[in-house]
Structures are given as structure tokens and as C-alpha cells.
Amino acid sequence: FLLGLFLLVGAGAVYAVSEALAKGSLFGYRFHIVVISKFFLMDVVQQACIVLYLLGWYEAAGMRCQLCMFHPQHCGAEQAFHLTNLLAVVCTLLSSVSNQLLVRPIFKRAYTEDDLCVMYCLRIGTICVSVLPFTTGLCVASRVIMPLPALVH
């Protein structure tokens, strides 16, 4: 329920910011406050929910394992990253990276190589910070959840 609500609120925030950009009014620092609050109130929470779901259901001592203990007929070979879970993970990570579409560097007529290097390094750094809760959850997860544990860890 919360993930669907977050999708609507996030789409509304993106629409409000894009409309303000189209009108030429960035409304001071409120633009940055909207983007940062979207990250902390939506993206981090969504990633934490998905990681906790994956760990709570698919971990070796998770709820799926306990369900299989009492009802073995319900248990089959199931991966943590099947199509539905993978789609939820990809949409959540794309939502958290979408902040990069909203924040643009200042337009200058000529960029030096140092300007371009700093700009791209900052973009890559913000993308890494945007997906940090999910990647931290993957580092905590055991080999049961990961499809290729040696590669992921």
C-alpha cells in the first residue's frame, strides 16, 4: 500500500518541480528542499521496505522457510529476484535516481575539463548515495538470497 502511495506522491513532486522549472521560477531553496525531502521521506523508506521484505521472507531463517516447515506442499524453488520482485526493485531504484533528472548544473557557454570532471563525479556520487540503502541491504544479505553471491558480495 505504501509503495503505491509513494509512487503517486513522487509523481506529484516531479510534476510540481517540472512545472516550476517550465515557468522559470525555481522558488529559491524550496526546490532543493523538495528534492532532498523526496529522497529521505520516499526513496530511503522504499528501499528499506524492499530490503526488509527480501530479508524477512527469503533469508535462510525467514518467513518463507518457516512456512515451508509447516506446509511443505507450498514450497518450490523460488528465487528472491523473480520477475515481480525484480520489477519492484528496478522501479524503486529508478525512482531514487530520478532526482538526477531534476537537478541540473548551471549552464555555461564553455566548460573546462575540470568543470566536466567535477560535474560527472558529482553525478556519479549522487547516484551511489541514492541507491546506498539498497546496496547496504545486499551486503548484509546471505548467500541464500543472491543469485550470484560471490559476484554481488
N, C-alpha and C. Protein backbone atom coordinates (compact mmCIF):
# COMPACT_ATOMS: atom_id res chain seq x y z
N PHE A 1 0.82 -1.20 0.00
CA PHE A 1 0.00 0.00 0.00
C PHE A 1 0.86 1.26 0.00
N LEU A 2 1.88 1.28 0.89
CA LEU A 2 2.74 2.45 0.99
C LEU A 2 3.53 2.69 -0.28
N LEU A 3 4.00 1.60 -0.92
CA LEU A 3 4.78 1.76 -2.13
C LEU A 3 3.94 2.38 -3.25
N GLY A 4 2.67 2.01 -3.36
CA GLY A 4 1.79 2.63 -4.35
C GLY A 4 1.51 4.09 -4.04
N LEU A 5 1.36 4.41 -2.76
CA LEU A 5 1.16 5.79 -2.36
C LEU A 5 2.40 6.62 -2.64
N PHE A 6 3.57 6.04 -2.39
CA PHE A 6 4.83 6.73 -2.67
C PHE A 6 4.97 7.04 -4.16
N LEU A 7 4.49 6.14 -5.00
CA LEU A 7 4.57 6.36 -6.44
C LEU A 7 3.76 7.59 -6.85
N LEU A 8 2.57 7.72 -6.30
CA LEU A 8 1.73 8.88 -6.62
C LEU A 8 2.32 10.18 -6.07
N VAL A 9 2.82 10.15 -4.85
CA VAL A 9 3.41 11.35 -4.25
C VAL A 9 4.68 11.75 -5.01
N GLY A 10 5.47 10.76 -5.39
CA GLY A 10 6.69 11.05 -6.15
C GLY A 10 6.38 11.64 -7.50
N ALA A 11 5.37 11.10 -8.18
CA ALA A 11 4.97 11.65 -9.48
C ALA A 11 4.47 13.08 -9.31
N GLY A 12 3.74 13.34 -8.23
CA GLY A 12 3.28 14.71 -7.96
C GLY A 12 4.42 15.66 -7.70
N ALA A 13 5.43 15.21 -6.96
CA ALA A 13 6.59 16.06 -6.68
C ALA A 13 7.37 16.36 -7.96
N VAL A 14 7.54 15.35 -8.79
CA VAL A 14 8.25 15.56 -10.06
C VAL A 14 7.47 16.52 -10.96
N TYR A 15 6.14 16.37 -11.00
CA TYR A 15 5.32 17.26 -11.81
C TYR A 15 5.40 18.70 -11.30
N ALA A 16 5.32 18.90 -9.98
CA ALA A 16 5.38 20.24 -9.41
C ALA A 16 6.71 20.91 -9.70
N VAL A 17 7.78 20.16 -9.58
CA VAL A 17 9.10 20.73 -9.84
C VAL A 17 9.27 21.03 -11.32
N SER A 18 8.80 20.13 -12.19
CA SER A 18 8.96 20.38 -13.63
C SER A 18 8.11 21.57 -14.08
N GLU A 19 6.94 21.75 -13.50
CA GLU A 19 6.12 22.92 -13.81
C GLU A 19 6.80 24.21 -13.35
N ALA A 20 7.40 24.17 -12.18
CA ALA A 20 8.11 25.36 -11.68
C ALA A 20 9.31 25.67 -12.56
N LEU A 21 9.99 24.63 -13.05
CA LEU A 21 11.12 24.86 -13.96
C LEU A 21 10.65 25.42 -15.29
N ALA A 22 9.51 24.96 -15.78
CA ALA A 22 8.99 25.44 -17.05
C ALA A 22 8.59 26.92 -16.97
N LYS A 23 8.11 27.34 -15.81
CA LYS A 23 7.73 28.74 -15.63
C LYS A 23 8.94 29.62 -15.35
N GLY A 24 10.09 28.99 -15.09
CA GLY A 24 11.29 29.77 -14.81
C GLY A 24 11.41 30.15 -13.35
N SER A 25 10.53 29.67 -12.52
CA SER A 25 10.55 30.00 -11.10
C SER A 25 11.04 28.79 -10.32
N LEU A 26 12.24 28.87 -9.80
CA LEU A 26 12.77 27.77 -9.01
C LEU A 26 12.42 27.92 -7.54
N PHE A 27 11.66 28.93 -7.20
CA PHE A 27 11.21 29.27 -5.84
C PHE A 27 12.30 29.11 -4.79
N GLY A 28 13.45 29.70 -5.06
CA GLY A 28 14.54 29.77 -4.09
C GLY A 28 15.09 28.40 -3.71
N TYR A 29 15.32 28.24 -2.44
CA TYR A 29 15.87 26.99 -1.93
C TYR A 29 14.79 25.93 -1.72
N ARG A 30 13.53 26.28 -1.90
CA ARG A 30 12.47 25.29 -1.71
C ARG A 30 12.57 24.15 -2.71
N PHE A 31 13.11 24.42 -3.88
CA PHE A 31 13.32 23.37 -4.87
C PHE A 31 14.25 22.29 -4.31
N HIS A 32 15.34 22.71 -3.73
CA HIS A 32 16.30 21.76 -3.16
C HIS A 32 15.72 21.04 -1.96
N ILE A 33 14.90 21.72 -1.20
CA ILE A 33 14.25 21.09 -0.05
C ILE A 33 13.28 20.00 -0.53
N VAL A 34 12.56 20.26 -1.63
CA VAL A 34 11.63 19.26 -2.17
C VAL A 34 12.41 18.02 -2.63
N VAL A 35 13.51 18.23 -3.33
CA VAL A 35 14.29 17.10 -3.84
C VAL A 35 14.91 16.30 -2.69
N ILE A 36 15.47 16.98 -1.71
CA ILE A 36 16.10 16.29 -0.58
C ILE A 36 15.05 15.58 0.28
N SER A 37 13.91 16.23 0.49
CA SER A 37 12.86 15.57 1.29
C SER A 37 12.29 14.37 0.55
N LYS A 38 12.19 14.43 -0.78
CA LYS A 38 11.75 13.27 -1.55
C LYS A 38 12.73 12.11 -1.35
N PHE A 39 14.00 12.43 -1.34
CA PHE A 39 14.99 11.37 -1.14
C PHE A 39 14.84 10.73 0.23
N PHE A 40 14.80 11.54 1.29
CA PHE A 40 14.77 10.97 2.64
C PHE A 40 13.41 10.38 3.00
N LEU A 41 12.32 11.02 2.60
CA LEU A 41 11.00 10.56 3.02
C LEU A 41 10.43 9.47 2.11
N MET A 42 10.90 9.38 0.88
CA MET A 42 10.34 8.38 -0.03
C MET A 42 11.35 7.33 -0.44
N ASP A 43 12.46 7.77 -1.01
CA ASP A 43 13.40 6.82 -1.62
C ASP A 43 14.06 5.93 -0.58
N VAL A 44 14.52 6.51 0.50
CA VAL A 44 15.16 5.70 1.54
C VAL A 44 14.16 4.73 2.16
N VAL A 45 12.94 5.21 2.39
CA VAL A 45 11.92 4.35 3.00
C VAL A 45 11.53 3.21 2.06
N GLN A 46 11.36 3.51 0.78
CA GLN A 46 11.03 2.46 -0.18
C GLN A 46 12.13 1.40 -0.26
N GLN A 47 13.36 1.84 -0.33
CA GLN A 47 14.46 0.88 -0.42
C GLN A 47 14.56 0.05 0.86
N ALA A 48 14.34 0.69 2.00
CA ALA A 48 14.38 -0.06 3.27
C ALA A 48 13.24 -1.08 3.32
N CYS A 49 12.06 -0.71 2.84
CA CYS A 49 10.93 -1.66 2.83
C CYS A 49 11.23 -2.87 1.95
N ILE A 50 11.79 -2.64 0.79
CA ILE A 50 12.09 -3.75 -0.11
C ILE A 50 13.18 -4.63 0.46
N VAL A 51 14.21 -4.04 1.02
CA VAL A 51 15.30 -4.84 1.62
C VAL A 51 14.78 -5.64 2.80
N LEU A 52 13.97 -5.02 3.65
CA LEU A 52 13.42 -5.76 4.79
C LEU A 52 12.49 -6.88 4.34
N TYR A 53 11.72 -6.64 3.28
CA TYR A 53 10.87 -7.71 2.73
C TYR A 53 11.72 -8.87 2.22
N LEU A 54 12.75 -8.56 1.44
CA LEU A 54 13.60 -9.62 0.89
C LEU A 54 14.30 -10.40 2.01
N LEU A 55 14.81 -9.67 2.99
CA LEU A 55 15.49 -10.35 4.10
C LEU A 55 14.50 -11.12 4.97
N GLY A 56 13.33 -10.56 5.22
CA GLY A 56 12.36 -11.22 6.10
C GLY A 56 11.68 -12.42 5.47
N TRP A 57 11.56 -12.45 4.15
CA TRP A 57 10.86 -13.54 3.50
C TRP A 57 11.81 -14.59 2.96
N TYR A 58 12.88 -14.18 2.30
CA TYR A 58 13.72 -15.13 1.57
C TYR A 58 14.99 -15.54 2.31
N GLU A 59 15.31 -14.93 3.42
CA GLU A 59 16.51 -15.29 4.17
C GLU A 59 16.39 -16.73 4.67
N ALA A 60 17.50 -17.32 5.06
CA ALA A 60 17.51 -18.73 5.47
C ALA A 60 16.55 -19.00 6.63
N ALA A 61 16.42 -18.08 7.56
CA ALA A 61 15.50 -18.26 8.69
C ALA A 61 14.29 -17.34 8.54
N GLY A 62 13.94 -17.00 7.31
CA GLY A 62 12.85 -16.07 7.05
C GLY A 62 11.49 -16.73 7.13
N MET A 63 10.48 -15.95 6.84
CA MET A 63 9.10 -16.43 6.93
C MET A 63 8.80 -17.52 5.90
N ARG A 64 9.41 -17.47 4.74
CA ARG A 64 9.20 -18.50 3.73
C ARG A 64 9.71 -19.84 4.23
N CYS A 65 10.85 -19.82 4.88
CA CYS A 65 11.43 -21.05 5.42
C CYS A 65 10.52 -21.62 6.51
N GLN A 66 9.97 -20.74 7.35
CA GLN A 66 9.08 -21.22 8.41
C GLN A 66 7.77 -21.74 7.84
N LEU A 67 7.27 -21.11 6.78
CA LEU A 67 6.06 -21.59 6.14
C LEU A 67 6.29 -22.97 5.52
N CYS A 68 7.46 -23.16 4.92
CA CYS A 68 7.78 -24.45 4.30
C CYS A 68 7.90 -25.56 5.35
N MET A 69 8.27 -25.19 6.55
CA MET A 69 8.41 -26.19 7.60
C MET A 69 7.03 -26.77 7.97
N PHE A 70 5.99 -25.93 7.96
CA PHE A 70 4.66 -26.39 8.34
C PHE A 70 3.82 -26.86 7.15
N HIS A 71 4.05 -26.29 5.99
CA HIS A 71 3.30 -26.66 4.78
C HIS A 71 4.27 -26.90 3.63
N PRO A 72 4.87 -28.08 3.56
CA PRO A 72 5.87 -28.33 2.51
C PRO A 72 5.30 -28.31 1.09
N GLN A 73 3.99 -28.51 0.93
CA GLN A 73 3.42 -28.52 -0.41
C GLN A 73 3.44 -27.12 -1.05
N HIS A 74 3.58 -26.05 -0.26
CA HIS A 74 3.63 -24.69 -0.78
C HIS A 74 5.03 -24.29 -1.21
N CYS A 75 6.00 -25.11 -0.91
CA CYS A 75 7.38 -24.70 -1.14
C CYS A 75 7.92 -25.29 -2.44
N GLY A 76 8.36 -24.44 -3.27
CA GLY A 76 9.01 -24.84 -4.50
C GLY A 76 10.28 -24.04 -4.63
N ALA A 77 10.96 -24.25 -5.71
CA ALA A 77 12.17 -23.49 -5.95
C ALA A 77 11.77 -22.06 -6.34
N GLU A 78 12.11 -21.13 -5.51
CA GLU A 78 11.76 -19.73 -5.76
C GLU A 78 12.95 -18.85 -5.46
N GLN A 79 13.25 -17.97 -6.38
CA GLN A 79 14.35 -17.03 -6.21
C GLN A 79 13.82 -15.72 -5.61
N ALA A 80 14.69 -15.03 -4.91
CA ALA A 80 14.29 -13.75 -4.33
C ALA A 80 14.09 -12.69 -5.40
N PHE A 81 14.82 -12.79 -6.48
CA PHE A 81 14.73 -11.80 -7.54
C PHE A 81 13.99 -12.36 -8.76
N HIS A 82 12.78 -12.88 -8.53
CA HIS A 82 11.96 -13.28 -9.67
C HIS A 82 11.37 -12.02 -10.31
N LEU A 83 10.58 -12.18 -11.33
CA LEU A 83 10.15 -11.06 -12.16
C LEU A 83 9.45 -9.95 -11.37
N THR A 84 8.55 -10.32 -10.49
CA THR A 84 7.80 -9.30 -9.74
C THR A 84 8.70 -8.53 -8.79
N ASN A 85 9.52 -9.24 -8.04
CA ASN A 85 10.44 -8.56 -7.12
C ASN A 85 11.46 -7.73 -7.88
N LEU A 86 11.96 -8.26 -8.98
CA LEU A 86 12.95 -7.52 -9.77
C LEU A 86 12.34 -6.25 -10.34
N LEU A 87 11.09 -6.31 -10.77
CA LEU A 87 10.41 -5.13 -11.28
C LEU A 87 10.24 -4.08 -10.18
N ALA A 88 9.87 -4.50 -8.97
CA ALA A 88 9.73 -3.56 -7.85
C ALA A 88 11.07 -2.94 -7.49
N VAL A 89 12.13 -3.73 -7.49
CA VAL A 89 13.47 -3.21 -7.17
C VAL A 89 13.92 -2.21 -8.23
N VAL A 90 13.75 -2.55 -9.50
CA VAL A 90 14.19 -1.66 -10.58
C VAL A 90 13.41 -0.35 -10.55
N CYS A 91 12.10 -0.41 -10.36
CA CYS A 91 11.29 0.82 -10.30
C CYS A 91 11.68 1.69 -9.11
N THR A 92 11.95 1.08 -7.98
CA THR A 92 12.36 1.84 -6.80
C THR A 92 13.71 2.49 -7.00
N LEU A 93 14.66 1.75 -7.56
CA LEU A 93 15.98 2.34 -7.79
C LEU A 93 15.93 3.43 -8.86
N LEU A 94 15.11 3.25 -9.88
CA LEU A 94 14.96 4.31 -10.88
C LEU A 94 14.30 5.55 -10.28
N SER A 95 13.37 5.34 -9.36
CA SER A 95 12.74 6.47 -8.69
C SER A 95 13.76 7.25 -7.86
N SER A 96 14.65 6.54 -7.18
CA SER A 96 15.63 7.24 -6.37
C SER A 96 16.68 7.93 -7.22
N VAL A 97 16.95 7.40 -8.39
CA VAL A 97 17.94 8.02 -9.28
C VAL A 97 17.29 9.15 -10.08
N SER A 98 15.97 9.21 -10.12
CA SER A 98 15.28 10.24 -10.90
C SER A 98 15.56 11.65 -10.39
N ASN A 99 16.07 11.79 -9.18
CA ASN A 99 16.46 13.11 -8.70
C ASN A 99 17.51 13.73 -9.61
N GLN A 100 18.29 12.89 -10.28
CA GLN A 100 19.31 13.40 -11.19
C GLN A 100 18.69 14.09 -12.40
N LEU A 101 17.45 13.72 -12.75
CA LEU A 101 16.78 14.38 -13.85
C LEU A 101 16.28 15.77 -13.46
N LEU A 102 16.04 15.95 -12.16
CA LEU A 102 15.52 17.23 -11.69
C LEU A 102 16.62 18.26 -11.47
N VAL A 103 17.73 17.82 -10.93
CA VAL A 103 18.81 18.74 -10.59
C VAL A 103 19.74 18.84 -11.79
N ARG A 104 19.88 20.05 -12.29
CA ARG A 104 20.75 20.27 -13.45
C ARG A 104 21.85 21.24 -13.07
N PRO A 105 23.02 21.07 -13.68
CA PRO A 105 24.09 22.03 -13.40
C PRO A 105 23.80 23.38 -14.06
N ILE A 106 24.49 24.38 -13.61
CA ILE A 106 24.34 25.71 -14.18
C ILE A 106 24.87 25.70 -15.60
N PHE A 107 24.10 26.29 -16.51
CA PHE A 107 24.50 26.31 -17.90
C PHE A 107 25.56 27.39 -18.11
N LYS A 108 26.68 26.97 -18.67
CA LYS A 108 27.75 27.91 -19.02
C LYS A 108 28.04 27.74 -20.50
N ARG A 109 28.55 28.79 -21.11
CA ARG A 109 28.86 28.71 -22.54
C ARG A 109 30.04 27.79 -22.81
N ALA A 110 31.01 27.83 -21.94
CA ALA A 110 32.20 26.99 -22.15
C ALA A 110 32.54 26.29 -20.84
N TYR A 111 32.77 24.99 -20.96
CA TYR A 111 33.16 24.20 -19.80
C TYR A 111 34.62 23.80 -19.96
N THR A 112 35.36 23.89 -18.87
CA THR A 112 36.72 23.38 -18.90
C THR A 112 36.67 21.88 -18.60
N GLU A 113 37.78 21.21 -18.79
CA GLU A 113 37.83 19.78 -18.49
C GLU A 113 37.61 19.52 -17.01
N ASP A 114 38.09 20.43 -16.18
CA ASP A 114 37.90 20.27 -14.74
C ASP A 114 36.42 20.41 -14.37
N ASP A 115 35.73 21.35 -15.00
CA ASP A 115 34.30 21.51 -14.74
C ASP A 115 33.53 20.24 -15.10
N LEU A 116 33.83 19.69 -16.25
CA LEU A 116 33.15 18.47 -16.69
C LEU A 116 33.46 17.29 -15.77
N CYS A 117 34.72 17.18 -15.36
CA CYS A 117 35.11 16.08 -14.48
C CYS A 117 34.39 16.18 -13.14
N VAL A 118 34.36 17.37 -12.56
CA VAL A 118 33.69 17.56 -11.28
C VAL A 118 32.19 17.31 -11.42
N MET A 119 31.60 17.78 -12.52
CA MET A 119 30.17 17.60 -12.73
C MET A 119 29.81 16.10 -12.84
N TYR A 120 30.58 15.36 -13.61
CA TYR A 120 30.30 13.93 -13.76
C TYR A 120 30.60 13.15 -12.48
N CYS A 121 31.64 13.53 -11.76
CA CYS A 121 31.94 12.86 -10.48
C CYS A 121 30.84 13.10 -9.46
N LEU A 122 30.32 14.31 -9.42
CA LEU A 122 29.21 14.61 -8.50
C LEU A 122 27.96 13.84 -8.88
N ARG A 123 27.68 13.72 -10.17
CA ARG A 123 26.52 12.95 -10.61
C ARG A 123 26.66 11.48 -10.22
N ILE A 124 27.82 10.91 -10.48
CA ILE A 124 28.04 9.50 -10.13
C ILE A 124 27.99 9.31 -8.62
N GLY A 125 28.54 10.25 -7.87
CA GLY A 125 28.48 10.17 -6.41
C GLY A 125 27.07 10.25 -5.88
N THR A 126 26.24 11.12 -6.48
CA THR A 126 24.86 11.21 -6.01
C THR A 126 24.06 9.98 -6.38
N ILE A 127 24.35 9.37 -7.51
CA ILE A 127 23.67 8.12 -7.86
C ILE A 127 24.05 7.03 -6.86
N CYS A 128 25.32 6.98 -6.47
CA CYS A 128 25.76 5.98 -5.49
C CYS A 128 25.09 6.20 -4.14
N VAL A 129 24.97 7.44 -3.71
CA VAL A 129 24.30 7.73 -2.44
C VAL A 129 22.81 7.43 -2.55
N SER A 130 22.22 7.65 -3.73
CA SER A 130 20.79 7.41 -3.91
C SER A 130 20.42 5.95 -3.73
N VAL A 131 21.28 5.04 -4.14
CA VAL A 131 20.97 3.61 -4.03
C VAL A 131 21.69 2.96 -2.85
N LEU A 132 22.27 3.77 -1.98
CA LEU A 132 23.03 3.24 -0.84
C LEU A 132 22.21 2.35 0.11
N PRO A 133 20.97 2.69 0.47
CA PRO A 133 20.23 1.78 1.36
C PRO A 133 20.03 0.39 0.76
N PHE A 134 19.77 0.32 -0.54
CA PHE A 134 19.58 -0.98 -1.17
C PHE A 134 20.88 -1.77 -1.25
N THR A 135 21.95 -1.10 -1.64
CA THR A 135 23.23 -1.82 -1.74
C THR A 135 23.74 -2.25 -0.38
N THR A 136 23.46 -1.46 0.65
CA THR A 136 23.83 -1.87 2.01
C THR A 136 23.05 -3.11 2.42
N GLY A 137 21.77 -3.15 2.07
CA GLY A 137 20.96 -4.34 2.36
C GLY A 137 21.47 -5.57 1.63
N LEU A 138 21.95 -5.40 0.41
CA LEU A 138 22.51 -6.54 -0.32
C LEU A 138 23.80 -7.03 0.32
N CYS A 139 24.57 -6.13 0.89
CA CYS A 139 25.80 -6.55 1.57
C CYS A 139 25.50 -7.33 2.84
N VAL A 140 24.39 -7.01 3.49
CA VAL A 140 24.00 -7.70 4.72
C VAL A 140 23.39 -9.06 4.42
N ALA A 141 22.78 -9.20 3.25
CA ALA A 141 22.08 -10.44 2.90
C ALA A 141 23.03 -11.62 2.80
N SER A 142 22.48 -12.79 3.05
CA SER A 142 23.30 -14.00 2.98
C SER A 142 23.31 -14.55 1.56
N ARG A 143 23.99 -15.66 1.38
CA ARG A 143 24.11 -16.29 0.07
C ARG A 143 22.79 -16.89 -0.41
N VAL A 144 21.83 -17.07 0.47
CA VAL A 144 20.56 -17.67 0.10
C VAL A 144 19.78 -16.77 -0.86
N ILE A 145 19.86 -15.48 -0.65
CA ILE A 145 19.08 -14.53 -1.43
C ILE A 145 19.73 -14.23 -2.78
N MET A 146 21.03 -14.10 -2.81
CA MET A 146 21.73 -13.66 -4.00
C MET A 146 21.81 -14.74 -5.08
N PRO A 147 21.55 -14.37 -6.34
CA PRO A 147 21.69 -15.36 -7.41
C PRO A 147 23.16 -15.72 -7.68
N LEU A 148 24.05 -14.75 -7.64
CA LEU A 148 25.49 -14.98 -7.79
C LEU A 148 26.19 -14.35 -6.60
N PRO A 149 26.24 -15.04 -5.46
CA PRO A 149 26.71 -14.39 -4.22
C PRO A 149 28.15 -13.92 -4.27
N ALA A 150 29.03 -14.66 -4.92
CA ALA A 150 30.43 -14.25 -4.94
C ALA A 150 30.58 -12.96 -5.74
N LEU A 151 29.82 -12.81 -6.81
CA LEU A 151 29.90 -11.61 -7.64
C LEU A 151 29.28 -10.42 -6.94
N VAL A 152 28.15 -10.61 -6.27
CA VAL A 152 27.45 -9.50 -5.63
C VAL A 152 28.18 -9.02 -4.39
N HIS A 153 28.67 -9.93 -3.57
CA HIS A 153 29.38 -9.52 -2.36
C HIS A 153 30.76 -9.03 -2.70
